[in-house]
Amino acid sequence: MQEVKVVVVDPVGLHARPATVAVNAASKCKCKVSVSFKGKTVDMKSIMGVMSLGIPTQSEITLTCDGEEEEKALETIIETLRAQKVIE
């Protein structure tokens, strides 16, 4: 299991467009991908799950990958979210 804490910097937080970017990145991974915020963890491949967390800007979230190619998956997700200026 690979895990990393990141800060959401998108001005609207992790809602709508940035959540779609996150879900699309996670959906390409073979392993299980989850995101945690304030003690609640959801499947990062589910747009409804991610949006249900209501993650505002400047919030610390935890991204977790577990399974096949988990390290590569986590790197890809982080690179994608940074390129879209969703996280720092």
N, C-alpha and C. Protein backbone atom coordinates (compact mmCIF):
# COMPACT_ATOMS: atom_id res chain seq x y z
N MET A 1 0.85 -1.19 0.00
CA MET A 1 0.00 0.00 0.00
C MET A 1 0.89 1.25 0.00
N GLN A 2 0.60 2.16 -0.90
CA GLN A 2 1.30 3.44 -1.00
C GLN A 2 0.34 4.54 -0.59
N GLU A 3 0.83 5.50 0.19
CA GLU A 3 -0.04 6.56 0.71
C GLU A 3 0.73 7.88 0.73
N VAL A 4 0.04 8.97 0.41
CA VAL A 4 0.66 10.29 0.46
C VAL A 4 -0.39 11.33 0.86
N LYS A 5 0.05 12.31 1.63
CA LYS A 5 -0.81 13.43 2.01
C LYS A 5 -0.48 14.61 1.10
N VAL A 6 -1.52 15.26 0.57
CA VAL A 6 -1.34 16.42 -0.32
C VAL A 6 -2.34 17.50 0.08
N VAL A 7 -2.09 18.73 -0.38
CA VAL A 7 -2.98 19.86 -0.08
C VAL A 7 -3.68 20.28 -1.36
N VAL A 8 -5.00 20.39 -1.29
CA VAL A 8 -5.81 20.84 -2.43
C VAL A 8 -5.66 22.36 -2.54
N VAL A 9 -5.23 22.84 -3.71
CA VAL A 9 -5.03 24.28 -3.90
C VAL A 9 -5.98 24.88 -4.93
N ASP A 10 -6.78 24.03 -5.59
CA ASP A 10 -7.75 24.56 -6.54
C ASP A 10 -8.69 25.50 -5.80
N PRO A 11 -8.97 26.70 -6.36
CA PRO A 11 -9.79 27.69 -5.65
C PRO A 11 -11.18 27.21 -5.25
N VAL A 12 -11.74 26.23 -5.96
CA VAL A 12 -13.07 25.73 -5.61
C VAL A 12 -13.00 24.43 -4.82
N GLY A 13 -11.78 24.00 -4.48
CA GLY A 13 -11.62 22.74 -3.76
C GLY A 13 -11.71 21.58 -4.73
N LEU A 14 -12.04 20.41 -4.23
CA LEU A 14 -12.12 19.21 -5.07
C LEU A 14 -13.58 18.95 -5.44
N HIS A 15 -14.14 19.83 -6.26
CA HIS A 15 -15.53 19.74 -6.72
C HIS A 15 -15.56 19.75 -8.23
N ALA A 16 -16.62 19.24 -8.83
CA ALA A 16 -16.90 19.25 -10.26
C ALA A 16 -15.67 19.01 -11.16
N ARG A 17 -15.13 20.04 -11.78
CA ARG A 17 -14.03 19.87 -12.75
C ARG A 17 -12.81 19.21 -12.12
N PRO A 18 -12.29 19.72 -11.00
CA PRO A 18 -11.11 19.06 -10.44
C PRO A 18 -11.40 17.63 -9.96
N ALA A 19 -12.62 17.37 -9.51
CA ALA A 19 -12.96 16.01 -9.09
C ALA A 19 -12.98 15.08 -10.30
N THR A 20 -13.46 15.59 -11.44
CA THR A 20 -13.47 14.80 -12.67
C THR A 20 -12.05 14.46 -13.10
N VAL A 21 -11.14 15.44 -12.99
CA VAL A 21 -9.73 15.20 -13.32
C VAL A 21 -9.18 14.09 -12.42
N ALA A 22 -9.47 14.16 -11.13
CA ALA A 22 -8.98 13.17 -10.17
C ALA A 22 -9.54 11.78 -10.48
N VAL A 23 -10.84 11.70 -10.74
CA VAL A 23 -11.48 10.42 -11.02
C VAL A 23 -10.94 9.81 -12.32
N ASN A 24 -10.78 10.63 -13.34
CA ASN A 24 -10.24 10.13 -14.61
C ASN A 24 -8.83 9.57 -14.44
N ALA A 25 -8.01 10.26 -13.66
CA ALA A 25 -6.64 9.78 -13.40
C ALA A 25 -6.67 8.45 -12.64
N ALA A 26 -7.51 8.37 -11.62
CA ALA A 26 -7.60 7.16 -10.80
C ALA A 26 -8.18 5.99 -11.59
N SER A 27 -9.12 6.27 -12.47
CA SER A 27 -9.78 5.21 -13.23
C SER A 27 -8.85 4.46 -14.18
N LYS A 28 -7.74 5.08 -14.54
CA LYS A 28 -6.76 4.45 -15.43
C LYS A 28 -5.85 3.47 -14.68
N CYS A 29 -5.93 3.46 -13.37
CA CYS A 29 -5.05 2.62 -12.55
C CYS A 29 -5.65 1.24 -12.34
N LYS A 30 -4.78 0.23 -12.29
CA LYS A 30 -5.22 -1.15 -12.07
C LYS A 30 -5.52 -1.43 -10.61
N CYS A 31 -4.91 -0.68 -9.71
CA CYS A 31 -5.06 -0.93 -8.28
C CYS A 31 -6.26 -0.17 -7.70
N LYS A 32 -6.54 -0.47 -6.45
CA LYS A 32 -7.58 0.25 -5.72
C LYS A 32 -7.02 1.62 -5.35
N VAL A 33 -7.80 2.68 -5.61
CA VAL A 33 -7.37 4.04 -5.31
C VAL A 33 -8.43 4.68 -4.42
N SER A 34 -8.00 5.27 -3.31
CA SER A 34 -8.96 5.93 -2.43
C SER A 34 -8.44 7.29 -1.99
N VAL A 35 -9.38 8.13 -1.58
CA VAL A 35 -9.04 9.45 -1.07
C VAL A 35 -9.73 9.59 0.29
N SER A 36 -9.00 10.16 1.25
CA SER A 36 -9.53 10.33 2.61
C SER A 36 -9.50 11.80 3.00
N PHE A 37 -10.57 12.22 3.69
CA PHE A 37 -10.67 13.59 4.18
C PHE A 37 -11.54 13.59 5.43
N LYS A 38 -11.01 14.16 6.51
CA LYS A 38 -11.73 14.25 7.78
C LYS A 38 -12.29 12.90 8.24
N GLY A 39 -11.46 11.87 8.15
CA GLY A 39 -11.85 10.56 8.66
C GLY A 39 -12.75 9.74 7.76
N LYS A 40 -13.12 10.26 6.59
CA LYS A 40 -13.97 9.52 5.66
C LYS A 40 -13.15 9.15 4.44
N THR A 41 -13.26 7.90 4.01
CA THR A 41 -12.51 7.41 2.86
C THR A 41 -13.47 6.92 1.79
N VAL A 42 -13.21 7.32 0.54
CA VAL A 42 -14.06 6.90 -0.58
C VAL A 42 -13.19 6.39 -1.73
N ASP A 43 -13.82 5.65 -2.61
CA ASP A 43 -13.17 5.16 -3.83
C ASP A 43 -12.93 6.35 -4.75
N MET A 44 -11.69 6.58 -5.14
CA MET A 44 -11.36 7.73 -5.97
C MET A 44 -11.78 7.53 -7.43
N LYS A 45 -12.27 6.36 -7.75
CA LYS A 45 -12.76 6.10 -9.10
C LYS A 45 -14.24 6.43 -9.22
N SER A 46 -14.84 6.92 -8.14
CA SER A 46 -16.27 7.27 -8.11
C SER A 46 -16.43 8.78 -7.98
N ILE A 47 -16.98 9.41 -9.01
CA ILE A 47 -17.18 10.86 -8.98
C ILE A 47 -18.11 11.26 -7.84
N MET A 48 -19.15 10.49 -7.60
CA MET A 48 -20.08 10.81 -6.51
C MET A 48 -19.40 10.66 -5.16
N GLY A 49 -18.56 9.66 -5.03
CA GLY A 49 -17.83 9.45 -3.79
C GLY A 49 -16.90 10.62 -3.49
N VAL A 50 -16.12 11.02 -4.50
CA VAL A 50 -15.17 12.12 -4.32
C VAL A 50 -15.91 13.41 -4.00
N MET A 51 -16.96 13.70 -4.73
CA MET A 51 -17.70 14.95 -4.51
C MET A 51 -18.43 14.94 -3.17
N SER A 52 -18.80 13.75 -2.68
CA SER A 52 -19.51 13.66 -1.40
C SER A 52 -18.64 14.10 -0.23
N LEU A 53 -17.31 14.09 -0.41
CA LEU A 53 -16.42 14.52 0.67
C LEU A 53 -16.45 16.03 0.88
N GLY A 54 -16.86 16.79 -0.14
CA GLY A 54 -16.95 18.25 0.00
C GLY A 54 -15.62 18.88 0.39
N ILE A 55 -14.55 18.54 -0.31
CA ILE A 55 -13.21 18.98 0.06
C ILE A 55 -12.98 20.42 -0.39
N PRO A 56 -12.83 21.36 0.55
CA PRO A 56 -12.57 22.76 0.18
C PRO A 56 -11.10 23.02 -0.13
N THR A 57 -10.81 24.17 -0.68
CA THR A 57 -9.43 24.54 -0.97
C THR A 57 -8.62 24.63 0.32
N GLN A 58 -7.34 24.41 0.21
CA GLN A 58 -6.38 24.42 1.32
C GLN A 58 -6.61 23.29 2.33
N SER A 59 -7.25 22.20 1.89
CA SER A 59 -7.47 21.05 2.75
C SER A 59 -6.43 19.98 2.48
N GLU A 60 -6.02 19.29 3.55
CA GLU A 60 -5.10 18.17 3.39
C GLU A 60 -5.91 16.90 3.18
N ILE A 61 -5.58 16.16 2.13
CA ILE A 61 -6.23 14.90 1.85
C ILE A 61 -5.17 13.81 1.77
N THR A 62 -5.61 12.56 1.91
CA THR A 62 -4.70 11.43 1.81
C THR A 62 -5.11 10.59 0.60
N LEU A 63 -4.16 10.36 -0.30
CA LEU A 63 -4.37 9.50 -1.46
C LEU A 63 -3.72 8.16 -1.17
N THR A 64 -4.45 7.07 -1.42
CA THR A 64 -3.94 5.74 -1.15
C THR A 64 -4.14 4.84 -2.36
N CYS A 65 -3.09 4.13 -2.72
CA CYS A 65 -3.15 3.14 -3.79
C CYS A 65 -2.77 1.80 -3.20
N ASP A 66 -3.55 0.76 -3.50
CA ASP A 66 -3.30 -0.56 -2.95
C ASP A 66 -3.53 -1.62 -4.02
N GLY A 67 -2.48 -2.34 -4.37
CA GLY A 67 -2.62 -3.40 -5.35
C GLY A 67 -1.58 -3.31 -6.44
N GLU A 68 -1.94 -3.83 -7.61
CA GLU A 68 -1.03 -3.92 -8.75
C GLU A 68 -0.55 -2.54 -9.21
N GLU A 69 0.74 -2.38 -9.34
CA GLU A 69 1.37 -1.14 -9.81
C GLU A 69 0.97 0.09 -8.99
N GLU A 70 0.84 -0.10 -7.67
CA GLU A 70 0.37 0.98 -6.80
C GLU A 70 1.30 2.19 -6.78
N GLU A 71 2.62 1.95 -6.80
CA GLU A 71 3.55 3.07 -6.76
C GLU A 71 3.46 3.92 -8.03
N LYS A 72 3.41 3.25 -9.17
CA LYS A 72 3.27 3.95 -10.45
C LYS A 72 1.94 4.70 -10.50
N ALA A 73 0.88 4.07 -10.00
CA ALA A 73 -0.44 4.68 -10.00
C ALA A 73 -0.45 5.98 -9.19
N LEU A 74 0.14 5.92 -8.01
CA LEU A 74 0.17 7.10 -7.14
C LEU A 74 0.95 8.23 -7.80
N GLU A 75 2.09 7.90 -8.40
CA GLU A 75 2.89 8.92 -9.09
C GLU A 75 2.11 9.56 -10.23
N THR A 76 1.40 8.75 -11.01
CA THR A 76 0.62 9.25 -12.14
C THR A 76 -0.51 10.17 -11.67
N ILE A 77 -1.20 9.77 -10.62
CA ILE A 77 -2.30 10.59 -10.09
C ILE A 77 -1.77 11.92 -9.59
N ILE A 78 -0.68 11.89 -8.84
CA ILE A 78 -0.10 13.13 -8.30
C ILE A 78 0.36 14.04 -9.43
N GLU A 79 1.04 13.48 -10.43
CA GLU A 79 1.49 14.29 -11.57
C GLU A 79 0.33 14.94 -12.29
N THR A 80 -0.73 14.18 -12.51
CA THR A 80 -1.92 14.69 -13.20
C THR A 80 -2.58 15.82 -12.40
N LEU A 81 -2.75 15.63 -11.10
CA LEU A 81 -3.40 16.64 -10.26
C LEU A 81 -2.55 17.89 -10.13
N ARG A 82 -1.23 17.73 -10.08
CA ARG A 82 -0.33 18.89 -10.03
C ARG A 82 -0.37 19.65 -11.36
N ALA A 83 -0.37 18.94 -12.47
CA ALA A 83 -0.39 19.57 -13.79
C ALA A 83 -1.67 20.39 -13.98
N GLN A 84 -2.75 19.94 -13.37
CA GLN A 84 -4.03 20.65 -13.47
C GLN A 84 -4.22 21.67 -12.34
N LYS A 85 -3.18 21.83 -11.53
CA LYS A 85 -3.19 22.77 -10.40
C LYS A 85 -4.31 22.49 -9.38
N VAL A 86 -4.58 21.20 -9.18
CA VAL A 86 -5.57 20.79 -8.19
C VAL A 86 -4.90 20.65 -6.82
N ILE A 87 -3.66 20.13 -6.82
CA ILE A 87 -2.88 19.99 -5.57
C ILE A 87 -1.53 20.65 -5.75
N GLU A 88 -0.81 20.86 -4.61
CA GLU A 88 0.56 21.36 -4.72
C GLU A 88 1.54 20.28 -4.39
